[in-house]
């Protein structure tokens, strides 16, 4: 198992997202996140549409997620993003954003 704890924070719209750690278990890349709604209104994130992994050669869709995605003003949640991988990528980037809108990228340390 490869595991690295680190903290990286980014803004995605009105969401403050902290990438807390990533780890590889067999054929899964698991990314632990903390998300806070900084808006004064409810905010919904659609993980299957808005989160993907960019590895060395391809776009890997989100396989599953475990966190609350409908956040009230000021609400925080934490959980995991799960991606199916075949081999450990040399470079992995998490991308947030709907396909037709601007994207926010952050590189993972794996």
Protein backbone atom coordinates (compact mmCIF):
# COMPACT_ATOMS: atom_id res chain seq x y z
CA UNK A 1 0.00 0.00 0.00
CA UNK A 2 1.30 3.43 -0.97
CA UNK A 3 0.16 6.17 1.39
CA UNK A 4 1.04 9.81 1.78
CA UNK A 5 -0.56 12.30 4.15
CA UNK A 6 -0.56 15.89 2.98
CA UNK A 7 -2.82 18.88 3.00
CA UNK A 8 -3.66 20.89 -0.08
CA UNK A 9 -6.50 23.41 -0.13
CA UNK A 10 -8.29 24.86 -3.14
CA UNK A 11 -11.36 26.92 -3.93
CA UNK A 12 -13.93 25.43 -6.26
CA UNK A 13 -16.72 27.96 -6.67
CA UNK A 14 -18.01 28.61 -3.17
CA UNK A 15 -16.57 25.37 -1.84
CA UNK A 16 -13.33 25.21 0.09
CA UNK A 17 -11.84 21.77 -0.57
CA UNK A 18 -8.94 20.31 1.41
CA UNK A 19 -7.19 17.25 -0.01
CA UNK A 20 -5.98 15.57 3.16
CA UNK A 21 -4.34 12.38 1.92
CA UNK A 22 -4.23 9.90 -0.92
CA UNK A 23 -3.51 6.20 -0.84
CA UNK A 24 -3.44 3.29 -3.24
CA UNK A 25 -5.02 0.02 -2.15
CA UNK A 26 -4.82 -2.70 -4.79
CA UNK A 27 -6.51 -1.13 -7.86
CA UNK A 28 -8.10 1.83 -6.01
CA UNK A 29 -6.81 5.34 -5.56
CA UNK A 30 -8.53 6.75 -2.49
CA UNK A 31 -8.43 10.49 -1.84
CA UNK A 32 -9.61 11.82 1.52
CA UNK A 33 -11.22 15.26 1.31
CA UNK A 34 -12.81 17.86 3.56
CA UNK A 35 -15.30 20.23 1.95
CA UNK A 36 -16.81 23.44 3.37
CA UNK A 37 -19.58 25.52 1.82
CA UNK A 38 -18.41 29.14 2.17
CA UNK A 39 -21.52 30.56 0.45
CA UNK A 40 -24.49 32.15 2.20
CA UNK A 41 -26.80 29.72 0.35
CA UNK A 42 -27.07 25.96 -0.04
CA UNK A 43 -24.51 24.44 -2.41
CA UNK A 44 -24.74 21.08 -4.17
CA UNK A 45 -21.80 19.32 -5.80
CA UNK A 46 -22.45 16.54 -8.31
CA UNK A 47 -19.32 14.39 -7.88
CA UNK A 48 -19.96 12.11 -10.87
CA UNK A 49 -20.15 15.15 -13.17
CA UNK A 50 -17.67 17.47 -11.46
CA UNK A 51 -14.73 15.36 -10.23
CA UNK A 52 -12.27 13.29 -12.27
CA UNK A 53 -8.68 12.09 -12.15
CA UNK A 54 -6.17 12.97 -14.85
CA UNK A 55 -3.28 10.52 -14.88
CA UNK A 56 -0.29 10.24 -17.20
CA UNK A 57 -2.33 9.36 -20.30
CA UNK A 58 -6.07 9.46 -19.66
CA UNK A 59 -9.08 10.82 -17.81
CA UNK A 60 -10.30 8.44 -15.11
CA UNK A 61 -13.89 9.02 -14.01
CA UNK A 62 -14.84 8.99 -10.36
CA UNK A 63 -15.84 5.44 -9.42
CA UNK A 64 -17.53 6.28 -6.12
CA UNK A 65 -17.60 8.87 -3.37
CA UNK A 66 -18.41 8.89 0.34
CA UNK A 67 -19.38 12.35 1.59
CA UNK A 68 -22.41 14.61 1.86
CA UNK A 69 -22.80 16.52 -1.41
CA UNK A 70 -25.67 18.85 -0.45
CA UNK A 71 -24.25 21.46 1.91
CA UNK A 72 -26.04 24.19 3.82
CA UNK A 73 -24.30 27.58 4.34
CA UNK A 74 -21.15 27.08 6.42
CA UNK A 75 -21.60 23.30 6.54
CA UNK A 76 -18.55 21.04 6.40
CA UNK A 77 -18.28 17.42 5.34
CA UNK A 78 -15.44 14.99 4.92
CA UNK A 79 -15.08 11.71 3.12
CA UNK A 80 -13.42 9.96 0.22
CA UNK A 81 -13.16 9.96 -3.55
CA UNK A 82 -12.52 6.55 -5.11
CA UNK A 83 -10.94 5.99 -8.51
CA UNK A 84 -10.21 2.63 -10.20
CA UNK A 85 -6.66 2.53 -11.54
CA UNK A 86 -4.72 -0.16 -13.37
CA UNK A 87 -1.20 0.95 -12.40
CA UNK A 88 0.15 3.65 -10.15
CA UNK A 89 0.36 6.83 -12.26
CA UNK A 90 3.57 8.84 -12.32
CA UNK A 91 1.52 12.02 -12.13
CA UNK A 92 -2.08 12.33 -10.95
CA UNK A 93 -4.23 15.44 -10.97
CA UNK A 94 -7.69 15.80 -9.44
CA UNK A 95 -9.89 18.03 -11.59
CA UNK A 96 -13.04 19.76 -10.34
CA UNK A 97 -15.49 21.28 -12.80
CA UNK A 98 -18.38 20.45 -15.09
CA UNK A 99 -17.33 19.52 -18.61
CA UNK A 100 -18.48 22.81 -20.17
CA UNK A 101 -17.26 25.14 -17.40
CA UNK A 102 -13.83 26.28 -16.16
CA UNK A 103 -11.85 23.67 -14.23
CA UNK A 104 -9.83 23.70 -11.03
CA UNK A 105 -6.88 21.28 -10.95
CA UNK A 106 -4.61 20.15 -8.15
CA UNK A 107 -1.80 17.60 -8.34
CA UNK A 108 -1.81 14.68 -5.93
CA UNK A 109 1.29 13.33 -4.29
CA UNK A 110 1.16 9.58 -4.68
